[in-house]
Amino acid sequence: MTQKETVLHHLQTNGSLTQKQASEQYGIWRLSNLIYVLKKDGYNIKTIDTPVQNRYGGVSWVATYQMES
């Protein structure tokens, strides 16, 4: 399975994916590029800015990708 197919399958079965999940579960380091390609292929994927606590106690923002119906 290609990285693009892996990301598409994950989004279709799990609903959402972050860069951290992609790198830890699949070894994918360029998730944003794969999302761009999937969008160009016609898939309706929404990007949600999600706040997370960083290691210094502050807030950082990460992209969470979700399939839209």
Protein backbone atom coordinates (compact mmCIF):
# COMPACT_ATOMS: atom_id res chain seq x y z
CA MET A 1 0.00 0.00 0.00
CA THR A 2 1.36 3.44 -0.90
CA GLN A 3 1.53 6.27 1.62
CA LYS A 4 -1.33 7.99 -0.20
CA GLU A 5 -3.46 4.86 0.01
CA THR A 6 -2.53 4.43 3.69
CA VAL A 7 -3.62 7.98 4.55
CA LEU A 8 -6.85 7.65 2.55
CA HIS A 9 -7.68 4.33 4.23
CA HIS A 10 -6.98 5.78 7.69
CA LEU A 11 -9.21 8.80 7.04
CA GLN A 12 -12.01 6.62 5.70
CA THR A 13 -11.90 4.16 8.59
CA ASN A 14 -10.91 6.40 11.52
CA GLY A 15 -12.25 9.78 10.49
CA SER A 16 -9.23 11.97 11.27
CA LEU A 17 -5.45 12.03 11.23
CA THR A 18 -2.70 14.30 12.60
CA GLN A 19 0.96 14.52 11.63
CA LYS A 20 1.94 12.93 14.95
CA GLN A 21 -0.34 9.95 14.32
CA ALA A 22 0.91 9.61 10.74
CA SER A 23 4.56 9.59 11.78
CA GLU A 24 4.12 7.29 14.78
CA GLN A 25 1.77 4.77 13.14
CA TYR A 26 2.94 4.79 9.53
CA GLY A 27 6.32 6.53 9.36
CA ILE A 28 4.82 9.29 7.20
CA TRP A 29 6.60 12.62 7.68
CA ARG A 30 5.01 14.70 4.89
CA LEU A 31 1.32 14.31 5.67
CA SER A 32 0.40 17.80 4.45
CA ASN A 33 1.74 16.94 0.98
CA LEU A 34 -0.29 13.74 0.82
CA ILE A 35 -3.41 15.64 1.91
CA TYR A 36 -2.73 18.18 -0.85
CA VAL A 37 -2.47 15.37 -3.44
CA LEU A 38 -5.66 13.71 -2.17
CA LYS A 39 -7.50 17.03 -2.41
CA LYS A 40 -6.23 17.48 -5.98
CA ASP A 41 -7.54 13.97 -6.72
CA GLY A 42 -11.01 15.16 -5.68
CA TYR A 43 -11.27 13.96 -2.08
CA ASN A 44 -13.07 16.35 0.25
CA ILE A 45 -10.73 16.71 3.23
CA LYS A 46 -11.17 19.39 5.87
CA THR A 47 -8.30 20.85 7.91
CA ILE A 48 -9.07 21.72 11.52
CA ASP A 49 -6.65 23.72 13.66
CA THR A 50 -6.46 21.91 16.98
CA PRO A 51 -4.86 23.37 20.14
CA VAL A 52 -2.43 21.12 22.02
CA GLN A 53 -0.28 21.73 25.05
CA ASN A 54 3.41 21.97 24.24
CA ARG A 55 6.25 20.79 26.45
CA TYR A 56 6.61 24.24 28.00
CA GLY A 57 2.99 24.38 29.14
CA GLY A 58 1.90 26.73 26.39
CA VAL A 59 -0.51 26.16 23.56
CA SER A 60 0.54 25.11 20.07
CA TRP A 61 -1.70 24.46 17.10
CA VAL A 62 -1.62 21.34 14.93
CA ALA A 63 -3.61 20.41 11.84
CA THR A 64 -6.16 17.62 12.16
CA TYR A 65 -7.36 16.30 8.81
CA GLN A 66 -10.90 14.93 8.43
CA MET A 67 -12.87 13.46 5.54
CA GLU A 68 -15.99 15.46 4.72
CA SER A 69 -19.08 13.69 3.44
